[in-house]
Structure formats: C-alpha cells, structure tokens
Amino acid sequence: PWPFPSSLMIGCHSYADDPAVVVDKTELEDARWFSRAEVED
C-alpha cells in the first residue's frame, strides 16, 4: 500500500527475449540493464 495518495503497488517479475531499449523521454529520463553483480553492490 502506498499512501501518496492511495495506491496499491503490485510488484511483478517478467522476462524479455530482446534487450534492445528505446526510452520514451516523456516517461523516463533513462532506462538500462544492470547485471546481477551491479544490483548486489
């Protein structure tokens, strides 16, 4: 539950077969892939 103002954040996992990224700059400043070692760090 996220009270700003009143959302339910539904956490999910998914897979992608093609890693090519095309960022919608109206939505995000950047998007990229991070390795497991980078996430662990």
PDB file of all heavy atoms in Angstrom:
ATOM      1  N   PRO A   1       0.851  -1.194   0.000  1.00  0.00           N
ATOM      2  CA  PRO A   1       0.000   0.000   0.000  1.00  0.00           C
ATOM      3  C   PRO A   1       0.881   1.236   0.000  1.00  0.00           C
ATOM      4  O   PRO A   1       1.869   1.305   0.743  1.00  0.00           O
ATOM      5  CB  PRO A   1      -0.803  -0.127   1.312  1.00  0.00           C
ATOM      6  CG  PRO A   1       0.006  -1.034   2.177  1.00  0.00           C
ATOM      7  CD  PRO A   1       0.793  -1.927   1.280  1.00  0.00           C
ATOM      8  N   TRP A   2       0.547   2.206  -0.821  1.00  0.00           N
ATOM      9  CA  TRP A   2       1.367   3.407  -0.978  1.00  0.00           C
ATOM     10  C   TRP A   2       0.456   4.633  -0.812  1.00  0.00           C
ATOM     11  O   TRP A   2      -0.332   4.960  -1.699  1.00  0.00           O
ATOM     12  CB  TRP A   2       2.041   3.401  -2.350  1.00  0.00           C
ATOM     13  CG  TRP A   2       3.034   4.496  -2.567  1.00  0.00           C
ATOM     14  CD1 TRP A   2       2.899   5.581  -3.388  1.00  0.00           C
ATOM     15  CD2 TRP A   2       4.330   4.614  -1.963  1.00  0.00           C
ATOM     16  NE1 TRP A   2       4.021   6.357  -3.340  1.00  0.00           N
ATOM     17  CE2 TRP A   2       4.922   5.791  -2.464  1.00  0.00           C
ATOM     18  CE3 TRP A   2       5.036   3.837  -1.041  1.00  0.00           C
ATOM     19  CZ2 TRP A   2       6.198   6.215  -2.082  1.00  0.00           C
ATOM     20  CZ3 TRP A   2       6.305   4.251  -0.656  1.00  0.00           C
ATOM     21  CH2 TRP A   2       6.869   5.423  -1.174  1.00  0.00           C
ATOM     22  N   PRO A   3       0.540   5.324   0.317  1.00  0.00           N
ATOM     23  CA  PRO A   3      -0.451   6.355   0.645  1.00  0.00           C
ATOM     24  C   PRO A   3      -0.158   7.736   0.081  1.00  0.00           C
ATOM     25  O   PRO A   3      -0.362   8.745   0.758  1.00  0.00           O
ATOM     26  CB  PRO A   3      -0.396   6.362   2.177  1.00  0.00           C
ATOM     27  CG  PRO A   3       1.038   6.063   2.492  1.00  0.00           C
ATOM     28  CD  PRO A   3       1.467   5.070   1.434  1.00  0.00           C
ATOM     29  N   PHE A   4       0.304   7.832  -1.164  1.00  0.00           N
ATOM     30  CA  PHE A   4       0.627   9.131  -1.748  1.00  0.00           C
ATOM     31  C   PHE A   4       0.036   9.271  -3.147  1.00  0.00           C
ATOM     32  O   PHE A   4       0.764   9.293  -4.148  1.00  0.00           O
ATOM     33  CB  PHE A   4       2.157   9.317  -1.764  1.00  0.00           C
ATOM     34  CG  PHE A   4       2.810   9.144  -0.439  1.00  0.00           C
ATOM     35  CD1 PHE A   4       3.432   7.959  -0.117  1.00  0.00           C
ATOM     36  CD2 PHE A   4       2.761  10.160   0.514  1.00  0.00           C
ATOM     37  CE1 PHE A   4       4.026   7.787   1.129  1.00  0.00           C
ATOM     38  CE2 PHE A   4       3.349   9.988   1.755  1.00  0.00           C
ATOM     39  CZ  PHE A   4       3.985   8.801   2.066  1.00  0.00           C
ATOM     40  N   PRO A   5      -1.325   9.383  -3.294  1.00  0.00           N
ATOM     41  CA  PRO A   5      -2.252   9.471  -2.169  1.00  0.00           C
ATOM     42  C   PRO A   5      -2.846   8.134  -1.716  1.00  0.00           C
ATOM     43  O   PRO A   5      -3.069   7.937  -0.540  1.00  0.00           O
ATOM     44  CB  PRO A   5      -3.363  10.372  -2.700  1.00  0.00           C
ATOM     45  CG  PRO A   5      -3.361  10.117  -4.166  1.00  0.00           C
ATOM     46  CD  PRO A   5      -1.951   9.812  -4.560  1.00  0.00           C
ATOM     47  N   SER A   6      -3.125   7.205  -2.648  1.00  0.00           N
ATOM     48  CA  SER A   6      -3.754   5.950  -2.210  1.00  0.00           C
ATOM     49  C   SER A   6      -3.640   4.910  -3.308  1.00  0.00           C
ATOM     50  O   SER A   6      -4.590   4.636  -4.030  1.00  0.00           O
ATOM     51  CB  SER A   6      -5.228   6.178  -1.859  1.00  0.00           C
ATOM     52  OG  SER A   6      -5.782   5.012  -1.278  1.00  0.00           O
ATOM     53  N   SER A   7      -2.454   4.316  -3.410  1.00  0.00           N
ATOM     54  CA  SER A   7      -2.206   3.320  -4.451  1.00  0.00           C
ATOM     55  C   SER A   7      -1.916   1.966  -3.827  1.00  0.00           C
ATOM     56  O   SER A   7      -1.575   1.874  -2.648  1.00  0.00           O
ATOM     57  CB  SER A   7      -1.009   3.735  -5.324  1.00  0.00           C
ATOM     58  OG  SER A   7      -1.257   4.944  -5.992  1.00  0.00           O
ATOM     59  N   LEU A   8      -2.058   0.931  -4.626  1.00  0.00           N
ATOM     60  CA  LEU A   8      -1.585  -0.396  -4.266  1.00  0.00           C
ATOM     61  C   LEU A   8      -0.527  -0.768  -5.287  1.00  0.00           C
ATOM     62  O   LEU A   8      -0.829  -0.985  -6.464  1.00  0.00           O
ATOM     63  CB  LEU A   8      -2.713  -1.423  -4.265  1.00  0.00           C
ATOM     64  CG  LEU A   8      -2.276  -2.851  -3.892  1.00  0.00           C
ATOM     65  CD1 LEU A   8      -1.786  -2.907  -2.443  1.00  0.00           C
ATOM     66  CD2 LEU A   8      -3.409  -3.843  -4.096  1.00  0.00           C
ATOM     67  N   MET A   9       0.732  -0.798  -4.843  1.00  0.00           N
ATOM     68  CA  MET A   9       1.838  -1.128  -5.728  1.00  0.00           C
ATOM     69  C   MET A   9       1.908  -2.650  -5.867  1.00  0.00           C
ATOM     70  O   MET A   9       2.133  -3.363  -4.882  1.00  0.00           O
ATOM     71  CB  MET A   9       3.150  -0.589  -5.172  1.00  0.00           C
ATOM     72  CG  MET A   9       3.129   0.891  -4.814  1.00  0.00           C
ATOM     73  SD  MET A   9       2.789   1.961  -6.228  1.00  0.00           S
ATOM     74  CE  MET A   9       4.279   1.724  -7.198  1.00  0.00           C
ATOM     75  N   ILE A  10       1.700  -3.149  -7.079  1.00  0.00           N
ATOM     76  CA  ILE A  10       1.645  -4.583  -7.340  1.00  0.00           C
ATOM     77  C   ILE A  10       2.973  -4.997  -7.976  1.00  0.00           C
ATOM     78  O   ILE A  10       3.221  -4.739  -9.159  1.00  0.00           O
ATOM     79  CB  ILE A  10       0.460  -4.925  -8.259  1.00  0.00           C
ATOM     80  CG1 ILE A  10      -0.853  -4.396  -7.643  1.00  0.00           C
ATOM     81  CG2 ILE A  10       0.374  -6.431  -8.485  1.00  0.00           C
ATOM     82  CD1 ILE A  10      -2.023  -4.434  -8.602  1.00  0.00           C
ATOM     83  N   GLY A  11       3.839  -5.601  -7.161  1.00  0.00           N
ATOM     84  CA  GLY A  11       5.169  -5.960  -7.623  1.00  0.00           C
ATOM     85  C   GLY A  11       5.167  -7.221  -8.460  1.00  0.00           C
ATOM     86  O   GLY A  11       4.648  -8.261  -8.039  1.00  0.00           O
ATOM     87  N   CYS A  12       5.763  -7.155  -9.651  1.00  0.00           N
ATOM     88  CA  CYS A  12       5.767  -8.280 -10.582  1.00  0.00           C
ATOM     89  C   CYS A  12       7.159  -8.517 -11.143  1.00  0.00           C
ATOM     90  O   CYS A  12       8.059  -7.681 -11.035  1.00  0.00           O
ATOM     91  CB  CYS A  12       4.792  -8.012 -11.742  1.00  0.00           C
ATOM     92  SG  CYS A  12       3.056  -7.866 -11.246  1.00  0.00           S
ATOM     93  N   HIS A  13       7.302  -9.690 -11.760  1.00  0.00           N
ATOM     94  CA  HIS A  13       8.535 -10.066 -12.447  1.00  0.00           C
ATOM     95  C   HIS A  13       8.163 -10.558 -13.828  1.00  0.00           C
ATOM     96  O   HIS A  13       7.089 -11.148 -14.031  1.00  0.00           O
ATOM     97  CB  HIS A  13       9.255 -11.169 -11.663  1.00  0.00           C
ATOM     98  CG  HIS A  13      10.446 -11.736 -12.351  1.00  0.00           C
ATOM     99  ND1 HIS A  13      10.366 -12.849 -13.185  1.00  0.00           N
ATOM    100  CD2 HIS A  13      11.745 -11.351 -12.366  1.00  0.00           C
ATOM    101  CE1 HIS A  13      11.578 -13.123 -13.649  1.00  0.00           C
ATOM    102  NE2 HIS A  13      12.430 -12.237 -13.181  1.00  0.00           N
ATOM    103  N   SER A  14       9.037 -10.306 -14.793  1.00  0.00           N
ATOM    104  CA  SER A  14       8.775 -10.758 -16.152  1.00  0.00           C
ATOM    105  C   SER A  14      10.105 -10.982 -16.866  1.00  0.00           C
ATOM    106  O   SER A  14      11.175 -10.636 -16.350  1.00  0.00           O
ATOM    107  CB  SER A  14       7.938  -9.728 -16.921  1.00  0.00           C
ATOM    108  OG  SER A  14       8.638  -8.491 -17.009  1.00  0.00           O
ATOM    109  N   TYR A  15      10.028 -11.561 -18.050  1.00  0.00           N
ATOM    110  CA  TYR A  15      11.216 -11.833 -18.855  1.00  0.00           C
ATOM    111  C   TYR A  15      11.116 -11.112 -20.197  1.00  0.00           C
ATOM    112  O   TYR A  15      10.016 -10.899 -20.723  1.00  0.00           O
ATOM    113  CB  TYR A  15      11.369 -13.334 -19.118  1.00  0.00           C
ATOM    114  CG  TYR A  15      11.706 -14.151 -17.900  1.00  0.00           C
ATOM    115  CD1 TYR A  15      10.701 -14.780 -17.154  1.00  0.00           C
ATOM    116  CD2 TYR A  15      13.034 -14.310 -17.485  1.00  0.00           C
ATOM    117  CE1 TYR A  15      11.009 -15.540 -16.039  1.00  0.00           C
ATOM    118  CE2 TYR A  15      13.347 -15.065 -16.366  1.00  0.00           C
ATOM    119  CZ  TYR A  15      12.332 -15.686 -15.650  1.00  0.00           C
ATOM    120  OH  TYR A  15      12.637 -16.419 -14.527  1.00  0.00           O
ATOM    121  N   ALA A  16      12.286 -10.761 -20.734  1.00  0.00           N
ATOM    122  CA  ALA A  16      12.360 -10.181 -22.071  1.00  0.00           C
ATOM    123  C   ALA A  16      13.291 -11.036 -22.923  1.00  0.00           C
ATOM    124  O   ALA A  16      14.335 -11.496 -22.440  1.00  0.00           O
ATOM    125  CB  ALA A  16      12.883  -8.754 -22.016  1.00  0.00           C
ATOM    126  N   ASP A  17      12.936 -11.256 -24.184  1.00  0.00           N
ATOM    127  CA  ASP A  17      13.799 -12.004 -25.097  1.00  0.00           C
ATOM    128  C   ASP A  17      14.735 -11.078 -25.873  1.00  0.00           C
ATOM    129  O   ASP A  17      15.839 -11.470 -26.238  1.00  0.00           O
ATOM    130  CB  ASP A  17      12.939 -12.808 -26.071  1.00  0.00           C
ATOM    131  CG  ASP A  17      12.153 -13.910 -25.356  1.00  0.00           C
ATOM    132  OD1 ASP A  17      12.727 -14.546 -24.457  1.00  0.00           O
ATOM    133  OD2 ASP A  17      10.978 -14.109 -25.704  1.00  0.00           O
ATOM    134  N   ASP A  18      14.288  -9.853 -26.115  1.00  0.00           N
ATOM    135  CA  ASP A  18      15.090  -8.881 -26.859  1.00  0.00           C
ATOM    136  C   ASP A  18      15.448  -7.735 -25.909  1.00  0.00           C
ATOM    137  O   ASP A  18      14.570  -7.031 -25.425  1.00  0.00           O
ATOM    138  CB  ASP A  18      14.291  -8.347 -28.051  1.00  0.00           C
ATOM    139  CG  ASP A  18      15.095  -7.392 -28.926  1.00  0.00           C
ATOM    140  OD1 ASP A  18      16.205  -6.984 -28.515  1.00  0.00           O
ATOM    141  OD2 ASP A  18      14.603  -7.055 -30.016  1.00  0.00           O
ATOM    142  N   PRO A  19      16.745  -7.500 -25.630  1.00  0.00           N
ATOM    143  CA  PRO A  19      17.131  -6.477 -24.662  1.00  0.00           C
ATOM    144  C   PRO A  19      17.203  -5.060 -25.221  1.00  0.00           C
ATOM    145  O   PRO A  19      17.511  -4.118 -24.476  1.00  0.00           O
ATOM    146  CB  PRO A  19      18.526  -6.941 -24.227  1.00  0.00           C
ATOM    147  CG  PRO A  19      19.081  -7.594 -25.449  1.00  0.00           C
ATOM    148  CD  PRO A  19      17.910  -8.274 -26.113  1.00  0.00           C
ATOM    149  N   ALA A  20      16.910  -4.858 -26.493  1.00  0.00           N
ATOM    150  CA  ALA A  20      17.002  -3.520 -27.075  1.00  0.00           C
ATOM    151  C   ALA A  20      16.053  -2.562 -26.356  1.00  0.00           C
ATOM    152  O   ALA A  20      14.866  -2.864 -26.178  1.00  0.00           O
ATOM    153  CB  ALA A  20      16.676  -3.576 -28.568  1.00  0.00           C
ATOM    154  N   VAL A  21      16.575  -1.406 -25.944  1.00  0.00           N
ATOM    155  CA  VAL A  21      15.803  -0.430 -25.176  1.00  0.00           C
ATOM    156  C   VAL A  21      15.595   0.828 -26.010  1.00  0.00           C
ATOM    157  O   VAL A  21      16.537   1.365 -26.603  1.00  0.00           O
ATOM    158  CB  VAL A  21      16.527  -0.067 -23.866  1.00  0.00           C
ATOM    159  CG1 VAL A  21      15.791   1.065 -23.136  1.00  0.00           C
ATOM    160  CG2 VAL A  21      16.655  -1.288 -22.972  1.00  0.00           C
ATOM    161  N   VAL A  22      14.348   1.299 -26.052  1.00  0.00           N
ATOM    162  CA  VAL A  22      14.010   2.573 -26.684  1.00  0.00           C
ATOM    163  C   VAL A  22      13.253   3.387 -25.638  1.00  0.00           C
ATOM    164  O   VAL A  22      12.075   3.118 -25.366  1.00  0.00           O
ATOM    165  CB  VAL A  22      13.155   2.381 -27.956  1.00  0.00           C
ATOM    166  CG1 VAL A  22      12.838   3.743 -28.569  1.00  0.00           C
ATOM    167  CG2 VAL A  22      13.863   1.486 -28.950  1.00  0.00           C
ATOM    168  N   VAL A  23      13.913   4.359 -25.038  1.00  0.00           N
ATOM    169  CA  VAL A  23      13.339   5.094 -23.915  1.00  0.00           C
ATOM    170  C   VAL A  23      12.363   6.154 -24.396  1.00  0.00           C
ATOM    171  O   VAL A  23      12.677   6.945 -25.292  1.00  0.00           O
ATOM    172  CB  VAL A  23      14.451   5.760 -23.075  1.00  0.00           C
ATOM    173  CG1 VAL A  23      13.850   6.564 -21.928  1.00  0.00           C
ATOM    174  CG2 VAL A  23      15.416   4.708 -22.543  1.00  0.00           C
ATOM    175  N   ASP A  24      11.179   6.161 -23.796  1.00  0.00           N
ATOM    176  CA  ASP A  24      10.210   7.235 -24.020  1.00  0.00           C
ATOM    177  C   ASP A  24      10.569   8.379 -23.078  1.00  0.00           C
ATOM    178  O   ASP A  24      10.335   8.303 -21.877  1.00  0.00           O
ATOM    179  CB  ASP A  24       8.792   6.734 -23.743  1.00  0.00           C
ATOM    180  CG  ASP A  24       7.735   7.812 -23.969  1.00  0.00           C
ATOM    181  OD1 ASP A  24       8.101   8.980 -24.231  1.00  0.00           O
ATOM    182  OD2 ASP A  24       6.538   7.498 -23.860  1.00  0.00           O
ATOM    183  N   LYS A  25      11.148   9.445 -23.629  1.00  0.00           N
ATOM    184  CA  LYS A  25      11.651  10.534 -22.793  1.00  0.00           C
ATOM    185  C   LYS A  25      10.543  11.324 -22.115  1.00  0.00           C
ATOM    186  O   LYS A  25      10.808  12.122 -21.219  1.00  0.00           O
ATOM    187  CB  LYS A  25      12.518  11.481 -23.644  1.00  0.00           C
ATOM    188  CG  LYS A  25      13.804  10.845 -24.158  1.00  0.00           C
ATOM    189  CD  LYS A  25      14.768  10.550 -23.005  1.00  0.00           C
ATOM    190  CE  LYS A  25      16.112  10.054 -23.519  1.00  0.00           C
ATOM    191  NZ  LYS A  25      17.092   9.859 -22.440  1.00  0.00           N
ATOM    192  N   THR A  26       9.292  11.134 -22.554  1.00  0.00           N
ATOM    193  CA  THR A  26       8.197  11.778 -21.825  1.00  0.00           C
ATOM    194  C   THR A  26       7.863  11.028 -20.548  1.00  0.00           C
ATOM    195  O   THR A  26       7.174  11.558 -19.675  1.00  0.00           O
ATOM    196  CB  THR A  26       6.932  11.867 -22.696  1.00  0.00           C
ATOM    197  OG1 THR A  26       6.451  10.539 -22.973  1.00  0.00           O
ATOM    198  CG2 THR A  26       7.233  12.575 -24.014  1.00  0.00           C
ATOM    199  N   GLU A  27       8.315   9.767 -20.452  1.00  0.00           N
ATOM    200  CA  GLU A  27       8.049   8.941 -19.281  1.00  0.00           C
ATOM    201  C   GLU A  27       9.271   8.827 -18.380  1.00  0.00           C
ATOM    202  O   GLU A  27       9.169   8.886 -17.155  1.00  0.00           O
ATOM    203  CB  GLU A  27       7.615   7.534 -19.724  1.00  0.00           C
ATOM    204  CG  GLU A  27       6.301   7.482 -20.483  1.00  0.00           C
ATOM    205  CD  GLU A  27       5.102   7.385 -19.560  1.00  0.00           C
ATOM    206  OE1 GLU A  27       5.300   7.286 -18.347  1.00  0.00           O
ATOM    207  OE2 GLU A  27       3.971   7.403 -20.070  1.00  0.00           O
ATOM    208  N   LEU A  28      10.443   8.629 -19.002  1.00  0.00           N
ATOM    209  CA  LEU A  28      11.668   8.366 -18.242  1.00  0.00           C
ATOM    210  C   LEU A  28      12.816   9.226 -18.763  1.00  0.00           C
ATOM    211  O   LEU A  28      12.835   9.618 -19.935  1.00  0.00           O
ATOM    212  CB  LEU A  28      12.070   6.890 -18.382  1.00  0.00           C
ATOM    213  CG  LEU A  28      11.124   5.824 -17.844  1.00  0.00           C
ATOM    214  CD1 LEU A  28      11.651   4.441 -18.224  1.00  0.00           C
ATOM    215  CD2 LEU A  28      10.953   5.934 -16.336  1.00  0.00           C
ATOM    216  N   GLU A  29      13.764   9.473 -17.892  1.00  0.00           N
ATOM    217  CA  GLU A  29      14.997  10.132 -18.306  1.00  0.00           C
ATOM    218  C   GLU A  29      15.962   9.117 -18.907  1.00  0.00           C
ATOM    219  O   GLU A  29      16.700   9.416 -19.846  1.00  0.00           O
ATOM    220  CB  GLU A  29      15.637  10.823 -17.097  1.00  0.00           C
ATOM    221  CG  GLU A  29      16.913  11.583 -17.406  1.00  0.00           C
ATOM    222  CD  GLU A  29      17.468  12.267 -16.173  1.00  0.00           C
ATOM    223  OE1 GLU A  29      17.026  13.396 -15.882  1.00  0.00           O
ATOM    224  OE2 GLU A  29      18.314  11.656 -15.487  1.00  0.00           O
ATOM    225  N   ASP A  30      15.927   7.890 -18.369  1.00  0.00           N
ATOM    226  CA  ASP A  30      16.841   6.854 -18.838  1.00  0.00           C
ATOM    227  C   ASP A  30      16.307   5.500 -18.398  1.00  0.00           C
ATOM    228  O   ASP A  30      15.558   5.392 -17.413  1.00  0.00           O
ATOM    229  CB  ASP A  30      18.240   7.076 -18.257  1.00  0.00           C
ATOM    230  CG  ASP A  30      19.277   6.121 -18.841  1.00  0.00           C
ATOM    231  OD1 ASP A  30      19.129   5.737 -20.019  1.00  0.00           O
ATOM    232  OD2 ASP A  30      20.223   5.755 -18.120  1.00  0.00           O
ATOM    233  N   ALA A  31      16.682   4.460 -19.112  1.00  0.00           N
ATOM    234  CA  ALA A  31      16.408   3.072 -18.728  1.00  0.00           C
ATOM    235  C   ALA A  31      17.552   2.229 -19.259  1.00  0.00           C
ATOM    236  O   ALA A  31      18.004   2.437 -20.392  1.00  0.00           O
ATOM    237  CB  ALA A  31      15.079   2.589 -19.288  1.00  0.00           C
ATOM    238  N   ARG A  32      18.017   1.295 -18.440  1.00  0.00           N
ATOM    239  CA  ARG A  32      19.142   0.455 -18.865  1.00  0.00           C
ATOM    240  C   ARG A  32      19.146  -0.848 -18.082  1.00  0.00           C
ATOM    241  O   ARG A  32      18.460  -0.978 -17.073  1.00  0.00           O
ATOM    242  CB  ARG A  32      20.472   1.185 -18.687  1.00  0.00           C
ATOM    243  CG  ARG A  32      20.800   1.519 -17.238  1.00  0.00           C
ATOM    244  CD  ARG A  32      22.139   2.238 -17.124  1.00  0.00           C
ATOM    245  NE  ARG A  32      22.067   3.583 -17.670  1.00  0.00           N
ATOM    246  CZ  ARG A  32      23.061   4.473 -17.556  1.00  0.00           C
ATOM    247  NH1 ARG A  32      24.189   4.124 -16.969  1.00  0.00           N
ATOM    248  NH2 ARG A  32      22.924   5.675 -18.046  1.00  0.00           N
ATOM    249  N   TRP A  33      19.947  -1.789 -18.576  1.00  0.00           N
ATOM    250  CA  TRP A  33      20.083  -3.087 -17.932  1.00  0.00           C
ATOM    251  C   TRP A  33      21.241  -3.043 -16.927  1.00  0.00           C
ATOM    252  O   TRP A  33      22.292  -2.456 -17.203  1.00  0.00           O
ATOM    253  CB  TRP A  33      20.370  -4.169 -18.973  1.00  0.00           C
ATOM    254  CG  TRP A  33      19.234  -4.364 -19.930  1.00  0.00           C
ATOM    255  CD1 TRP A  33      19.082  -3.782 -21.158  1.00  0.00           C
ATOM    256  CD2 TRP A  33      18.084  -5.187 -19.740  1.00  0.00           C
ATOM    257  NE1 TRP A  33      17.909  -4.187 -21.748  1.00  0.00           N
ATOM    258  CE2 TRP A  33      17.270  -5.058 -20.897  1.00  0.00           C
ATOM    259  CE3 TRP A  33      17.657  -6.027 -18.702  1.00  0.00           C
ATOM    260  CZ2 TRP A  33      16.073  -5.731 -21.047  1.00  0.00           C
ATOM    261  CZ3 TRP A  33      16.448  -6.703 -18.856  1.00  0.00           C
ATOM    262  CH2 TRP A  33      15.662  -6.559 -20.015  1.00  0.00           C
ATOM    263  N   PHE A  34      21.013  -3.681 -15.775  1.00  0.00           N
ATOM    264  CA  PHE A  34      22.051  -3.787 -14.759  1.00  0.00           C
ATOM    265  C   PHE A  34      22.286  -5.262 -14.443  1.00  0.00           C
ATOM    266  O   PHE A  34      21.331  -6.030 -14.268  1.00  0.00           O
ATOM    267  CB  PHE A  34      21.657  -3.045 -13.484  1.00  0.00           C
ATOM    268  CG  PHE A  34      21.595  -1.551 -13.666  1.00  0.00           C
ATOM    269  CD1 PHE A  34      20.397  -0.920 -13.966  1.00  0.00           C
ATOM    270  CD2 PHE A  34      22.740  -0.775 -13.535  1.00  0.00           C
ATOM    271  CE1 PHE A  34      20.338   0.456 -14.137  1.00  0.00           C
ATOM    272  CE2 PHE A  34      22.696   0.604 -13.710  1.00  0.00           C
ATOM    273  CZ  PHE A  34      21.488   1.219 -14.007  1.00  0.00           C
ATOM    274  N   SER A  35      23.554  -5.636 -14.359  1.00  0.00           N
ATOM    275  CA  SER A  35      23.908  -7.032 -14.089  1.00  0.00           C
ATOM    276  C   SER A  35      23.598  -7.386 -12.644  1.00  0.00           C
ATOM    277  O   SER A  35      23.407  -6.519 -11.792  1.00  0.00           O
ATOM    278  CB  SER A  35      25.395  -7.250 -14.356  1.00  0.00           C
ATOM    279  OG  SER A  35      26.179  -6.575 -13.376  1.00  0.00           O
ATOM    280  N   ARG A  36      23.596  -8.688 -12.372  1.00  0.00           N
ATOM    281  CA  ARG A  36      23.354  -9.147 -11.000  1.00  0.00           C
ATOM    282  C   ARG A  36      24.417  -8.597 -10.053  1.00  0.00           C
ATOM    283  O   ARG A  36      24.101  -8.178  -8.942  1.00  0.00           O
ATOM    284  CB  ARG A  36      23.334 -10.678 -10.954  1.00  0.00           C
ATOM    285  CG  ARG A  36      23.005 -11.241  -9.571  1.00  0.00           C
ATOM    286  CD  ARG A  36      22.778 -12.738  -9.641  1.00  0.00           C
ATOM    287  NE  ARG A  36      21.618 -13.047 -10.456  1.00  0.00           N
ATOM    288  CZ  ARG A  36      20.368 -13.038 -10.006  1.00  0.00           C
ATOM    289  NH1 ARG A  36      20.119 -12.727  -8.744  1.00  0.00           N
ATOM    290  NH2 ARG A  36      19.362 -13.360 -10.799  1.00  0.00           N
ATOM    291  N   ALA A  37      25.656  -8.568 -10.479  1.00  0.00           N
ATOM    292  CA  ALA A  37      26.723  -8.047  -9.617  1.00  0.00           C
ATOM    293  C   ALA A  37      26.506  -6.571  -9.319  1.00  0.00           C
ATOM    294  O   ALA A  37      26.735  -6.110  -8.182  1.00  0.00           O
ATOM    295  CB  ALA A  37      28.079  -8.256 -10.288  1.00  0.00           C
ATOM    296  N   GLU A  38      26.038  -5.814 -10.298  1.00  0.00           N
ATOM    297  CA  GLU A  38      25.785  -4.382 -10.072  1.00  0.00           C
ATOM    298  C   GLU A  38      24.613  -4.173  -9.120  1.00  0.00           C
ATOM    299  O   GLU A  38      24.647  -3.277  -8.262  1.00  0.00           O
ATOM    300  CB  GLU A  38      25.514  -3.694 -11.411  1.00  0.00           C
ATOM    301  CG  GLU A  38      26.760  -3.568 -12.282  1.00  0.00           C
ATOM    302  CD  GLU A  38      26.443  -3.055 -13.671  1.00  0.00           C
ATOM    303  OE1 GLU A  38      25.331  -3.362 -14.203  1.00  0.00           O
ATOM    304  OE2 GLU A  38      27.309  -2.371 -14.252  1.00  0.00           O
ATOM    305  N   VAL A  39      23.579  -4.997  -9.256  1.00  0.00           N
ATOM    306  CA  VAL A  39      22.430  -4.886  -8.351  1.00  0.00           C
ATOM    307  C   VAL A  39      22.840  -5.273  -6.929  1.00  0.00           C
ATOM    308  O   VAL A  39      22.476  -4.595  -5.963  1.00  0.00           O
ATOM    309  CB  VAL A  39      21.265  -5.762  -8.845  1.00  0.00           C
ATOM    310  CG1 VAL A  39      20.130  -5.770  -7.815  1.00  0.00           C
ATOM    311  CG2 VAL A  39      20.751  -5.259 -10.193  1.00  0.00           C
ATOM    312  N   GLU A  40      23.608  -6.355  -6.795  1.00  0.00           N
ATOM    313  CA  GLU A  40      24.057  -6.772  -5.461  1.00  0.00           C
ATOM    314  C   GLU A  40      24.876  -5.671  -4.795  1.00  0.00           C
ATOM    315  O   GLU A  40      24.709  -5.384  -3.602  1.00  0.00           O
ATOM    316  CB  GLU A  40      24.873  -8.054  -5.575  1.00  0.00           C
ATOM    317  CG  GLU A  40      24.027  -9.280  -5.929  1.00  0.00           C
ATOM    318  CD  GLU A  40      24.876 -10.501  -6.209  1.00  0.00           C
ATOM    319  OE1 GLU A  40      26.118 -10.353  -6.382  1.00  0.00           O
ATOM    320  OE2 GLU A  40      24.307 -11.617  -6.265  1.00  0.00           O
ATOM    321  N   ASP A  41      25.747  -5.029  -5.541  1.00  0.00           N
ATOM    322  CA  ASP A  41      26.560  -3.945  -4.998  1.00  0.00           C
ATOM    323  C   ASP A  41      25.685  -2.765  -4.576  1.00  0.00           C
ATOM    324  O   ASP A  41      25.882  -2.186  -3.497  1.00  0.00           O
ATOM    325  CB  ASP A  41      27.580  -3.494  -6.051  1.00  0.00           C
ATOM    326  CG  ASP A  41      28.335  -2.247  -5.626  1.00  0.00           C
ATOM    327  OD1 ASP A  41      29.113  -2.323  -4.644  1.00  0.00           O
ATOM    328  OD2 ASP A  41      28.135  -1.184  -6.250  1.00  0.00           O
TER     329      ASP A  41
END
